[in-house]
Amino acid sequence: MGAITFYELPGCPFCAKVRDKLEALDLEFETIEVPGPHSERTEVEEVSGQTGVPVITDADNDVHGMAESDDIVAYLEETYGEA
């Protein structure tokens, strides 16, 4: 299992954008599907302080609860992309 954990909601276009980048970079990651209702998203809220998705954590780089798809994609590209 990789050091990256990806919290997503199936069908979410912002989550799909992050998943596409993770797969394009051929990264190993664990996926946690969050429930639809925000009130039931306690796990992602504990990690990130909010209930929206996508959210990633990256244990190798001490990243905890990064949100916002554009920020996540930029981080992944900068950290794991081709030099």
Protein backbone atom coordinates (compact mmCIF):
# COMPACT_ATOMS: atom_id res chain seq x y z
CA MET A 1 0.00 0.00 0.00
CA GLY A 2 1.21 3.48 -0.78
CA ALA A 3 1.65 6.31 1.63
CA ILE A 4 -1.13 8.31 -0.05
CA THR A 5 -4.71 8.01 1.15
CA PHE A 6 -7.38 9.46 -1.14
CA TYR A 7 -10.83 10.33 0.20
CA GLU A 8 -13.40 10.50 -2.55
CA LEU A 9 -17.08 10.37 -3.40
CA PRO A 10 -17.90 8.26 -6.48
CA GLY A 11 -19.27 10.43 -9.27
CA CYS A 12 -17.60 13.60 -7.98
CA PRO A 13 -15.87 15.35 -10.90
CA PHE A 14 -13.32 17.00 -8.62
CA CYS A 15 -12.44 13.60 -7.17
CA ALA A 16 -12.13 12.16 -10.68
CA LYS A 17 -9.60 14.89 -11.53
CA VAL A 18 -7.43 13.87 -8.57
CA ARG A 19 -7.83 10.14 -9.30
CA ASP A 20 -6.78 10.74 -12.92
CA LYS A 21 -3.60 12.51 -11.74
CA LEU A 22 -2.78 9.78 -9.20
CA GLU A 23 -3.18 7.15 -11.92
CA ALA A 24 -1.30 9.18 -14.56
CA LEU A 25 1.65 9.42 -12.18
CA ASP A 26 1.35 5.67 -11.50
CA LEU A 27 1.19 6.23 -7.76
CA GLU A 28 0.05 3.64 -5.25
CA PHE A 29 -2.74 4.93 -3.06
CA GLU A 30 -5.48 3.76 -0.76
CA THR A 31 -8.99 4.93 -1.57
CA ILE A 32 -11.59 5.67 1.07
CA GLU A 33 -15.06 6.32 -0.29
CA VAL A 34 -16.94 8.79 1.88
CA PRO A 35 -20.70 8.67 2.42
CA GLY A 36 -22.94 11.00 0.43
CA PRO A 37 -24.35 13.01 3.34
CA HIS A 38 -21.85 15.49 4.75
CA SER A 39 -23.11 14.73 8.26
CA GLU A 40 -21.79 11.16 7.91
CA ARG A 41 -18.29 12.09 6.72
CA THR A 42 -16.68 11.96 10.14
CA GLU A 43 -13.48 10.24 9.00
CA VAL A 44 -12.58 12.84 6.38
CA GLU A 45 -13.56 15.61 8.80
CA GLU A 46 -11.14 14.22 11.40
CA VAL A 47 -8.35 14.23 8.81
CA SER A 48 -9.00 17.58 7.14
CA GLY A 49 -11.25 19.62 9.41
CA GLN A 50 -13.98 19.76 6.76
CA THR A 51 -16.39 17.37 5.05
CA GLY A 52 -15.78 18.18 1.40
CA VAL A 53 -13.86 15.92 -0.95
CA PRO A 54 -11.43 15.26 -2.52
CA VAL A 55 -8.89 15.10 0.29
CA ILE A 56 -5.51 13.38 0.39
CA THR A 57 -2.96 12.52 3.01
CA ASP A 58 0.63 11.64 2.15
CA ALA A 59 2.50 10.06 5.05
CA ASP A 60 5.84 10.14 3.21
CA ASN A 61 5.71 13.94 2.97
CA ASP A 62 3.86 14.79 6.20
CA VAL A 63 0.74 15.99 4.35
CA HIS A 64 -2.45 15.66 6.39
CA GLY A 65 -5.84 16.53 5.00
CA MET A 66 -5.00 18.45 1.81
CA ALA A 67 -8.23 19.54 0.11
CA GLU A 68 -9.18 21.32 -3.14
CA SER A 69 -8.63 19.36 -6.33
CA ASP A 70 -6.46 22.01 -8.03
CA ASP A 71 -4.16 22.20 -5.00
CA ILE A 72 -3.92 18.40 -4.79
CA VAL A 73 -3.14 18.01 -8.50
CA ALA A 74 -0.47 20.73 -8.31
CA TYR A 75 1.05 19.08 -5.22
CA LEU A 76 1.11 15.65 -6.87
CA GLU A 77 2.68 17.01 -10.04
CA GLU A 78 5.30 18.99 -8.10
CA THR A 79 6.12 16.13 -5.73
CA TYR A 80 5.83 13.08 -7.97
CA GLY A 81 5.82 14.38 -11.55
CA GLU A 82 8.60 14.00 -14.07
CA ALA A 83 11.45 16.43 -13.55
